[in-house]
Amino acid sequence: MNKVETSFLHKNQFGDDFLWGVSTAAFQIEGAPDTDGKGRSIWDVFTSQKGKIKNGHHALTACDFYNSYQNDIDLIRELNIPNFRFSISWPRIMPSGVSPINEAGIAYYNKIIDSLLSAGIEPWITLYHWDLPHDLELKGGWTNRESVSWFSAYVAVCVQHFGDRVKNWMVINEPSVFTGAGYFLGIHAPGKKGITNYLKAMHHVTLATTAGAKIIRNHIPDAHIGTTFSCTHIEPATSSSKDVEAAKRVDTLLNRTFIEPILGLGYPQADLPVLKKLNAYIVEDDLNNLSFDFDFIGLQCYTREVVKSSLLIPYIGAELISAEKRNVISTDMGWEVYPPALYQVLKKFNAYEGIRKIIITENGAAFPDTLKNGKVYDIKRTHYIQDHLEQILKAKKDGLAVDGYFVWTLTDNFEWAEGYNARFGLIHVDFDTQQRTIKHSGLWFKDFLS
């Protein structure tokens, strides 16, 4: 392929130890929902329900990564990407969520790990990227305290079978998103609503995160253990005290609620009073079991949100002003393109004493890509990545710790409730033929990493 133009950026500016990678998630790419003994996940059920996914899309095939993983690993190597983040599908390993173990699922991920290592690509495993086994949801899912034990047993199986070759582990992906969207708003699987469901899920997921991390440490003492958080830079719409306080509450909800208990700081109840309702679900040694000394924290930042006070919105008394209403440049997700948000998030999380190391484990953009004459000239995505890397450089020059950057994502995929309408990939996928085409952004990243 022809070499594409480069910016003034060079990977050497980031240091020899800076980690470069690309991130994916099992449900969004694998397909094969019932192949080789896999059980149903909450997303298999949710996507089968009418009206839940835009245009009625489903993930029965997705990117067919289950069958085409070797081809995609070859593409990762072609793009010079040294680290690949992927998730394990819990119901592919344990179809009912608990024993027995599905040996075919174990064999599948062993093949992926071995193929990556043979290609000189380091595997980074995410243990939970939202696809809870449906059988466990029938028992309450994350609202059931038993979910901590279920998850712990699953983690133990994974580290037992993959820990001899995998050193980099992420326990749970973006807890604020899947608990908020799935257990409070009901717009993601499993489609539950209400503050009680949300708070129970929040607490149990936090307990499961630290429980899972401890299991990895016990089985693999030298493992590199992290967990990831969705983070958004929050700004008040005006300098009025009402808007400033509203922004503080939203910031607490989106950026502090999950990281602070894990750092041993407890839930930030003083700045978001609704969190005091959590006390009804905190028992025995829960507070002592919320924290863990992670080797790294993964931050996933895409945009900023501008907030105004609103008495009509329960619990937080705040309203997000959309990018459309603010008439600013946005992506296909309706998210404002605002690269300084990444710098601000890094600054915010660097202020926590308990964080050893920060890796940007997701950053990317969805734009309307067009395949023409065998090429996809996605210059907006290329600029998006470049501009965010500039913010990382700025952060490093200002003395902020940031040790890696993973692009979301490798291939266009099934983007949850958006279906196939939002394309984030460095590689274009024709979902009718499964044909892959490296986009301009992918070619730029390849040259950048060479």
Protein backbone atom coordinates (compact mmCIF):
# COMPACT_ATOMS: atom_id res chain seq x y z
CA MET A 1 0.00 0.00 0.00
CA ASN A 2 1.11 3.52 -0.68
CA LYS A 3 2.63 5.46 2.16
CA VAL A 4 0.25 8.11 3.43
CA GLU A 5 1.13 11.59 4.54
CA THR A 6 2.22 11.99 8.15
CA SER A 7 1.78 14.83 10.60
CA PHE A 8 4.52 16.38 12.68
CA LEU A 9 3.94 13.62 15.21
CA HIS A 10 6.47 10.84 15.64
CA LYS A 11 6.12 7.91 17.98
CA ASN A 12 9.62 8.53 19.38
CA GLN A 13 8.27 11.70 20.98
CA PHE A 14 6.27 9.53 23.37
CA GLY A 15 9.22 7.50 24.65
CA ASP A 16 10.46 3.98 24.05
CA ASP A 17 8.24 2.44 26.75
CA PHE A 18 4.99 4.01 25.56
CA LEU A 19 2.40 1.34 24.72
CA TRP A 20 0.60 1.41 21.38
CA GLY A 21 -2.41 -0.74 20.65
CA VAL A 22 -5.93 -1.23 19.41
CA SER A 23 -9.00 -2.30 21.39
CA THR A 24 -12.00 -4.54 20.64
CA ALA A 25 -14.82 -6.34 22.49
CA ALA A 26 -16.05 -9.90 22.01
CA PHE A 27 -19.75 -9.24 21.48
CA GLN A 28 -19.06 -6.46 19.00
CA ILE A 29 -16.87 -8.54 16.68
CA GLU A 30 -17.20 -12.28 17.21
CA GLY A 31 -20.65 -13.28 15.98
CA ALA A 32 -21.20 -17.06 16.31
CA PRO A 33 -23.67 -16.58 19.22
CA ASP A 34 -24.41 -20.28 19.71
CA THR A 35 -21.44 -21.93 18.01
CA ASP A 36 -19.41 -24.60 19.82
CA GLY A 37 -21.54 -24.57 22.93
CA LYS A 38 -21.64 -20.84 23.67
CA GLY A 39 -24.48 -19.76 25.97
CA ARG A 40 -26.71 -16.72 25.51
CA SER A 41 -25.58 -13.37 26.85
CA ILE A 42 -27.79 -10.48 27.93
CA TRP A 43 -26.85 -8.77 24.66
CA ASP A 44 -27.92 -11.79 22.60
CA VAL A 45 -31.33 -11.48 24.25
CA PHE A 46 -31.49 -7.68 24.12
CA THR A 47 -30.65 -7.48 20.41
CA SER A 48 -33.35 -10.05 19.62
CA GLN A 49 -36.03 -7.75 21.05
CA LYS A 50 -37.86 -5.47 18.65
CA GLY A 51 -36.99 -1.79 18.78
CA LYS A 52 -33.91 -2.07 20.99
CA ILE A 53 -31.26 -1.63 18.27
CA LYS A 54 -31.25 1.03 15.56
CA ASN A 55 -32.57 -0.26 12.21
CA GLY A 56 -33.26 -3.65 13.80
CA HIS A 57 -29.61 -4.66 13.53
CA HIS A 58 -28.27 -7.70 15.38
CA ALA A 59 -24.86 -9.20 16.11
CA LEU A 60 -25.44 -12.74 14.88
CA THR A 61 -22.48 -12.36 12.53
CA ALA A 62 -20.97 -8.98 13.51
CA CYS A 63 -17.42 -9.03 12.06
CA ASP A 64 -17.31 -12.84 12.07
CA PHE A 65 -14.14 -12.61 14.16
CA TYR A 66 -14.94 -16.04 15.57
CA ASN A 67 -14.09 -17.54 12.19
CA SER A 68 -11.83 -14.85 10.70
CA TYR A 69 -9.63 -14.04 13.69
CA GLN A 70 -6.46 -15.16 11.92
CA ASN A 71 -7.09 -12.78 9.03
CA ASP A 72 -7.67 -9.90 11.45
CA ILE A 73 -4.56 -10.76 13.45
CA ASP A 74 -2.61 -10.67 10.18
CA LEU A 75 -4.03 -7.18 9.61
CA ILE A 76 -2.96 -6.07 13.09
CA ARG A 77 0.56 -7.21 12.28
CA GLU A 78 0.39 -5.47 8.88
CA LEU A 79 -0.53 -2.23 10.67
CA ASN A 80 2.54 -2.54 12.95
CA ILE A 81 0.29 -2.55 16.04
CA PRO A 82 2.20 -4.27 18.88
CA ASN A 83 -0.62 -4.68 21.44
CA PHE A 84 -4.13 -6.06 20.93
CA ARG A 85 -6.86 -5.62 23.52
CA PHE A 86 -9.75 -8.08 23.24
CA SER A 87 -12.34 -9.39 25.66
CA ILE A 88 -13.32 -12.89 26.73
CA SER A 89 -16.98 -13.78 26.29
CA TRP A 90 -18.09 -15.10 29.68
CA PRO A 91 -20.93 -17.26 28.20
CA ARG A 92 -18.50 -18.72 25.67
CA ILE A 93 -16.36 -19.96 28.58
CA MET A 94 -19.21 -20.83 30.98
CA PRO A 95 -22.50 -21.01 29.01
CA SER A 96 -24.72 -20.80 32.10
CA GLY A 97 -22.40 -18.33 33.85
CA VAL A 98 -21.21 -20.96 36.32
CA SER A 99 -19.70 -24.41 35.88
CA PRO A 100 -19.44 -26.50 33.80
CA ILE A 101 -16.70 -25.03 31.63
CA ASN A 102 -17.09 -25.06 27.85
CA GLU A 103 -13.83 -26.57 26.63
CA ALA A 104 -14.49 -25.37 23.08
CA GLY A 105 -14.59 -21.79 24.37
CA ILE A 106 -11.28 -22.27 26.18
CA ALA A 107 -9.76 -23.73 23.00
CA TYR A 108 -10.98 -20.77 20.93
CA TYR A 109 -9.30 -18.14 23.09
CA ASN A 110 -6.17 -20.28 23.35
CA LYS A 111 -5.96 -20.16 19.56
CA ILE A 112 -6.28 -16.38 19.56
CA ILE A 113 -3.62 -15.95 22.24
CA ASP A 114 -1.22 -18.35 20.52
CA SER A 115 -1.78 -16.68 17.14
CA LEU A 116 -1.11 -13.22 18.60
CA LEU A 117 2.08 -14.35 20.29
CA SER A 118 3.26 -16.07 17.10
CA ALA A 119 2.73 -12.78 15.27
CA GLY A 120 4.72 -10.84 17.86
CA ILE A 121 1.60 -9.10 19.19
CA GLU A 122 1.04 -8.82 22.94
CA PRO A 123 -2.44 -9.94 24.11
CA TRP A 124 -4.32 -7.70 26.55
CA ILE A 125 -7.40 -9.43 27.96
CA THR A 126 -10.53 -7.67 29.20
CA LEU A 127 -12.42 -10.14 31.37
CA TYR A 128 -15.80 -8.42 31.25
CA HIS A 129 -16.96 -6.23 28.38
CA TRP A 130 -20.69 -6.21 29.07
CA ASP A 131 -21.82 -9.67 27.88
CA LEU A 132 -23.15 -11.19 31.10
CA PRO A 133 -24.52 -14.75 30.70
CA HIS A 134 -28.30 -14.53 30.33
CA ASP A 135 -28.84 -17.35 32.82
CA LEU A 136 -27.27 -15.17 35.51
CA GLU A 137 -29.45 -12.21 34.56
CA LEU A 138 -32.46 -14.43 35.23
CA LYS A 139 -31.15 -14.55 38.81
CA GLY A 140 -30.85 -10.77 39.00
CA GLY A 141 -27.57 -10.27 37.19
CA TRP A 142 -25.42 -7.54 38.72
CA THR A 143 -28.24 -6.58 41.10
CA ASN A 144 -27.68 -9.88 42.91
CA ARG A 145 -24.84 -9.96 45.48
CA GLU A 146 -24.03 -13.44 44.24
CA SER A 147 -22.71 -11.81 41.07
CA VAL A 148 -19.43 -11.16 42.90
CA SER A 149 -19.01 -14.90 43.49
CA TRP A 150 -20.11 -15.78 39.95
CA PHE A 151 -17.61 -13.36 38.47
CA SER A 152 -14.83 -14.54 40.76
CA ALA A 153 -15.30 -18.15 39.65
CA TYR A 154 -15.23 -17.06 36.00
CA VAL A 155 -12.04 -15.04 36.51
CA ALA A 156 -10.38 -18.01 38.18
CA VAL A 157 -11.13 -20.18 35.14
CA CYS A 158 -9.67 -17.59 32.76
CA VAL A 159 -6.43 -17.04 34.64
CA GLN A 160 -6.00 -20.79 35.09
CA HIS A 161 -6.24 -21.43 31.34
CA PHE A 162 -4.65 -18.28 29.88
CA GLY A 163 -2.39 -16.92 32.60
CA ASP A 164 0.67 -18.88 31.48
CA ARG A 165 0.90 -16.69 28.36
CA VAL A 166 -1.10 -13.53 29.10
CA LYS A 167 0.46 -10.97 31.41
CA ASN A 168 -1.79 -7.94 30.77
CA TRP A 169 -5.28 -8.05 32.27
CA MET A 170 -8.18 -5.60 32.49
CA VAL A 171 -10.89 -6.71 34.89
CA ILE A 172 -14.04 -4.80 33.92
CA ASN A 173 -14.76 -2.35 31.11
CA GLU A 174 -16.50 0.98 31.74
CA PRO A 175 -18.68 0.12 34.75
CA SER A 176 -20.38 3.53 34.76
CA VAL A 177 -21.67 2.95 31.23
CA PHE A 178 -23.07 -0.57 31.48
CA THR A 179 -24.61 0.00 34.91
CA GLY A 180 -26.06 3.37 33.96
CA ALA A 181 -27.33 2.42 30.51
CA GLY A 182 -28.27 -1.15 31.39
CA TYR A 183 -29.61 -0.92 34.93
CA PHE A 184 -30.87 2.67 35.26
CA LEU A 185 -31.86 4.00 31.82
CA GLY A 186 -32.69 0.63 30.26
CA ILE A 187 -31.26 1.57 26.85
CA HIS A 188 -28.59 -1.17 26.95
CA ALA A 189 -28.78 -4.79 28.01
CA PRO A 190 -30.36 -6.07 30.17
CA GLY A 191 -32.80 -3.16 29.83
CA LYS A 192 -33.51 -2.63 33.52
CA LYS A 193 -34.49 0.76 34.93
CA GLY A 194 -34.56 2.56 38.25
CA ILE A 195 -32.28 3.86 40.95
CA THR A 196 -32.46 0.68 43.05
CA ASN A 197 -31.26 -1.56 40.20
CA TYR A 198 -28.52 0.91 39.37
CA LEU A 199 -27.16 1.29 42.90
CA LYS A 200 -27.16 -2.45 43.56
CA ALA A 201 -25.37 -3.10 40.26
CA MET A 202 -22.89 -0.30 40.94
CA HIS A 203 -21.87 -1.70 44.31
CA HIS A 204 -21.67 -5.31 43.21
CA VAL A 205 -19.65 -4.44 40.09
CA THR A 206 -17.17 -2.49 42.21
CA LEU A 207 -16.82 -5.41 44.62
CA ALA A 208 -16.41 -7.79 41.65
CA THR A 209 -13.71 -5.59 40.13
CA THR A 210 -11.47 -5.83 43.19
CA ALA A 211 -12.35 -9.49 43.79
CA GLY A 212 -11.35 -10.32 40.24
CA ALA A 213 -8.10 -8.39 40.50
CA LYS A 214 -7.14 -10.24 43.69
CA ILE A 215 -7.72 -13.59 41.97
CA ILE A 216 -5.46 -12.60 39.08
CA ARG A 217 -2.74 -11.49 41.51
CA ASN A 218 -2.97 -14.75 43.47
CA HIS A 219 -2.73 -16.90 40.34
CA ILE A 220 -0.23 -14.76 38.42
CA PRO A 221 1.96 -12.80 40.87
CA ASP A 222 3.80 -10.89 38.13
CA ALA A 223 0.66 -10.03 36.13
CA HIS A 224 0.11 -6.46 34.89
CA ILE A 225 -3.39 -5.78 36.25
CA GLY A 226 -5.71 -2.90 35.44
CA THR A 227 -9.35 -2.02 34.96
CA THR A 228 -10.92 0.60 32.70
CA PHE A 229 -13.16 3.61 33.23
CA SER A 230 -15.17 5.75 30.85
CA CYS A 231 -14.22 9.37 31.53
CA THR A 232 -15.66 12.61 30.19
CA HIS A 233 -14.45 16.15 30.72
CA ILE A 234 -17.33 18.11 32.25
CA GLU A 235 -17.81 21.88 31.97
CA PRO A 236 -20.63 24.10 33.27
CA ALA A 237 -22.68 25.93 30.64
CA THR A 238 -22.22 29.22 32.48
CA SER A 239 -20.30 30.53 35.47
CA SER A 240 -23.47 30.67 37.56
CA SER A 241 -23.28 28.83 40.86
CA LYS A 242 -26.20 26.58 39.85
CA ASP A 243 -24.49 25.42 36.66
CA VAL A 244 -21.14 25.01 38.41
CA GLU A 245 -22.72 22.84 41.10
CA ALA A 246 -24.65 20.86 38.49
CA ALA A 247 -21.42 20.19 36.59
CA LYS A 248 -19.79 19.03 39.82
CA ARG A 249 -22.59 16.50 40.40
CA VAL A 250 -22.33 15.17 36.84
CA ASP A 251 -18.55 14.95 37.14
CA THR A 252 -18.97 13.00 40.37
CA LEU A 253 -21.40 10.58 38.73
CA LEU A 254 -19.45 10.00 35.52
CA ASN A 255 -15.83 10.28 36.65
CA ARG A 256 -15.56 9.63 40.38
CA THR A 257 -18.18 7.13 41.50
CA PHE A 258 -16.26 4.00 40.46
CA ILE A 259 -12.60 5.03 40.70
CA GLU A 260 -12.68 6.49 44.20
CA PRO A 261 -13.89 3.40 46.12
CA ILE A 262 -11.30 1.34 44.23
CA LEU A 263 -8.62 3.78 45.43
CA GLY A 264 -9.80 3.34 49.02
CA LEU A 265 -11.55 6.72 49.15
CA GLY A 266 -15.07 5.36 49.45
CA TYR A 267 -18.06 6.46 47.41
CA PRO A 268 -18.22 10.27 46.85
CA GLN A 269 -21.51 10.62 48.70
CA ALA A 270 -20.89 14.16 49.92
CA ASP A 271 -20.84 15.53 46.36
CA LEU A 272 -23.67 13.34 45.04
CA PRO A 273 -26.18 12.76 47.87
CA VAL A 274 -28.15 10.07 46.02
CA LEU A 275 -25.16 7.77 46.56
CA LYS A 276 -26.05 7.70 50.26
CA LYS A 277 -28.74 5.23 49.25
CA LEU A 278 -25.88 2.78 48.66
CA ASN A 279 -25.57 2.37 52.41
CA ALA A 280 -28.59 0.06 52.34
CA TYR A 281 -26.56 -2.46 50.29
CA ILE A 282 -23.19 -2.17 52.04
CA VAL A 283 -22.73 -5.02 54.52
CA GLU A 284 -20.03 -6.65 56.65
CA ASP A 285 -16.55 -6.08 55.15
CA ASP A 286 -17.71 -4.47 51.91
CA LEU A 287 -15.90 -1.19 52.51
CA ASN A 288 -12.64 -3.07 53.15
CA ASN A 289 -13.14 -5.08 49.96
CA LEU A 290 -13.73 -2.18 47.58
CA SER A 291 -10.10 -1.22 47.01
CA PHE A 292 -7.19 -2.77 45.15
CA ASP A 293 -3.72 -1.51 44.25
CA PHE A 294 -3.95 -1.74 40.46
CA ASP A 295 -0.79 -1.68 38.35
CA PHE A 296 -2.53 0.63 35.92
CA ILE A 297 -5.83 2.35 35.32
CA GLY A 298 -7.31 2.41 31.81
CA LEU A 299 -9.05 5.64 30.85
CA GLN A 300 -11.44 5.85 27.91
CA CYS A 301 -12.19 9.37 26.78
CA TYR A 302 -13.96 10.51 23.62
CA THR A 303 -15.46 13.94 24.26
CA ARG A 304 -16.58 16.58 26.75
CA GLU A 305 -20.03 17.36 28.06
CA VAL A 306 -21.42 20.80 28.85
CA VAL A 307 -23.87 20.84 31.74
CA LYS A 308 -26.60 23.16 32.98
CA SER A 309 -28.70 23.03 36.10
CA SER A 310 -32.12 21.42 35.71
CA LEU A 311 -34.56 20.74 38.51
CA LEU A 312 -36.50 18.42 36.20
CA ILE A 313 -33.75 15.77 36.12
CA PRO A 314 -33.98 13.53 39.20
CA TYR A 315 -31.02 12.68 41.44
CA ILE A 316 -28.44 14.90 39.70
CA GLY A 317 -30.42 18.08 38.99
CA ALA A 318 -28.47 18.60 35.80
CA GLU A 319 -28.90 18.37 32.05
CA LEU A 320 -26.36 17.76 29.31
CA ILE A 321 -26.49 20.27 26.45
CA SER A 322 -26.01 18.26 23.27
CA ALA A 323 -23.32 19.02 20.72
CA GLU A 324 -26.10 19.64 18.19
CA LYS A 325 -27.69 22.30 20.38
CA ARG A 326 -24.31 23.91 20.90
CA ASN A 327 -23.68 23.84 17.14
CA VAL A 328 -20.23 22.31 17.48
CA ILE A 329 -18.44 19.73 15.32
CA SER A 330 -19.49 16.23 16.33
CA THR A 331 -19.11 12.58 15.36
CA ASP A 332 -21.77 10.13 14.15
CA MET A 333 -22.44 9.37 17.82
CA GLY A 334 -23.39 13.01 18.38
CA TRP A 335 -20.28 13.51 20.51
CA GLU A 336 -18.43 16.81 20.27
CA VAL A 337 -14.94 16.63 18.77
CA TYR A 338 -12.96 18.31 21.53
CA PRO A 339 -9.40 16.93 21.88
CA PRO A 340 -8.50 19.05 24.96
CA ALA A 341 -10.95 16.85 26.89
CA LEU A 342 -8.31 14.11 26.89
CA TYR A 343 -5.73 16.43 28.44
CA GLN A 344 -8.21 17.54 31.10
CA VAL A 345 -9.12 13.94 31.98
CA LEU A 346 -5.44 13.04 32.31
CA LYS A 347 -4.92 16.06 34.55
CA LYS A 348 -7.88 15.07 36.72
CA PHE A 349 -6.83 11.46 37.21
CA ASN A 350 -3.17 12.33 37.73
CA ALA A 351 -4.31 14.20 40.84
CA TYR A 352 -5.19 10.90 42.55
CA GLU A 353 -2.27 9.68 44.65
CA GLY A 354 -3.31 6.05 44.45
CA ILE A 355 -2.98 5.68 40.67
CA ARG A 356 0.36 4.18 39.65
CA LYS A 357 0.06 4.33 35.89
CA ILE A 358 -2.47 5.52 33.31
CA ILE A 359 -3.09 4.03 29.88
CA ILE A 360 -5.61 5.43 27.41
CA THR A 361 -7.33 2.14 26.65
CA GLU A 362 -9.89 3.58 24.22
CA ASN A 363 -10.08 6.69 22.07
CA GLY A 364 -11.51 7.04 18.57
CA ALA A 365 -14.35 8.40 16.49
CA ALA A 366 -17.29 7.31 14.34
CA PHE A 367 -17.67 9.10 11.02
CA PRO A 368 -19.65 8.30 7.84
CA ASP A 369 -17.04 6.39 5.84
CA THR A 370 -17.35 5.78 2.12
CA LEU A 371 -15.61 2.95 0.29
CA LYS A 372 -14.69 4.22 -3.17
CA ASN A 373 -12.37 2.53 -5.67
CA GLY A 374 -11.14 0.20 -2.95
CA LYS A 375 -10.20 3.01 -0.56
CA VAL A 376 -11.67 4.79 2.45
CA TYR A 377 -10.38 8.33 2.85
CA ASP A 378 -11.43 8.98 6.45
CA ILE A 379 -9.41 12.13 6.99
CA LYS A 380 -11.64 13.26 9.88
CA ARG A 381 -10.75 10.16 11.89
CA THR A 382 -7.07 10.55 11.05
CA HIS A 383 -7.15 14.13 12.31
CA TYR A 384 -9.11 13.06 15.39
CA ILE A 385 -6.41 10.56 16.36
CA GLN A 386 -3.60 13.00 15.60
CA ASP A 387 -5.20 15.79 17.60
CA HIS A 388 -5.71 13.54 20.62
CA LEU A 389 -2.12 12.32 20.43
CA GLU A 390 -1.07 15.98 20.51
CA GLN A 391 -3.00 16.31 23.77
CA ILE A 392 -1.17 13.29 25.20
CA LEU A 393 2.16 14.87 24.24
CA LYS A 394 1.07 18.10 25.90
CA ALA A 395 0.21 16.15 29.04
CA LYS A 396 3.57 14.39 29.06
CA LYS A 397 5.43 17.68 28.58
CA ASP A 398 3.48 19.11 31.52
CA GLY A 399 4.63 16.23 33.71
CA LEU A 400 1.41 14.23 33.69
CA ALA A 401 1.69 10.45 33.69
CA VAL A 402 0.33 8.64 30.63
CA ASP A 403 1.90 5.43 29.44
CA GLY A 404 -0.06 4.16 26.46
CA TYR A 405 -2.70 4.73 23.81
CA PHE A 406 -5.10 2.15 22.34
CA VAL A 407 -7.31 3.16 19.41
CA TRP A 408 -10.96 2.19 19.44
CA THR A 409 -11.22 0.17 17.30
CA LEU A 410 -9.60 -2.27 14.85
CA THR A 411 -12.54 -2.95 12.53
CA ASP A 412 -15.96 -1.40 12.10
CA ASN A 413 -18.21 -3.45 14.36
CA PHE A 414 -21.56 -3.82 16.07
CA GLU A 415 -21.78 -0.60 18.07
CA TRP A 416 -24.28 -1.68 20.74
CA ALA A 417 -27.61 0.20 20.46
CA GLU A 418 -26.34 1.99 17.33
CA GLY A 419 -26.02 -1.30 15.46
CA TYR A 420 -23.80 -1.00 12.40
CA ASN A 421 -24.56 2.68 11.87
CA ALA A 422 -21.56 4.02 13.78
CA ARG A 423 -18.22 3.06 12.25
CA PHE A 424 -15.19 3.45 14.54
CA GLY A 425 -12.71 1.14 12.81
CA LEU A 426 -9.26 1.70 11.38
CA ILE A 427 -10.42 -0.99 8.97
CA HIS A 428 -13.66 -0.78 6.96
CA VAL A 429 -15.94 -3.82 7.00
CA ASP A 430 -18.53 -4.60 4.34
CA PHE A 431 -20.99 -6.41 6.60
CA ASP A 432 -22.58 -8.23 3.64
CA THR A 433 -19.33 -9.75 2.36
CA GLN A 434 -17.03 -9.34 5.43
CA GLN A 435 -14.49 -7.73 3.12
CA ARG A 436 -11.86 -5.72 5.02
CA THR A 437 -10.33 -2.49 3.68
CA ILE A 438 -7.70 -0.57 5.62
CA LYS A 439 -8.80 3.06 5.88
CA HIS A 440 -6.63 6.15 5.52
CA SER A 441 -6.53 6.37 9.34
CA GLY A 442 -5.22 2.82 9.54
CA LEU A 443 -2.55 3.52 6.94
CA TRP A 444 -1.52 6.66 8.81
CA PHE A 445 -1.31 4.74 12.10
CA LYS A 446 0.75 2.04 10.38
CA ASP A 447 3.28 4.57 9.12
CA PHE A 448 3.31 6.35 12.46
CA LEU A 449 4.17 3.09 14.24
CA SER A 450 6.79 1.96 11.71
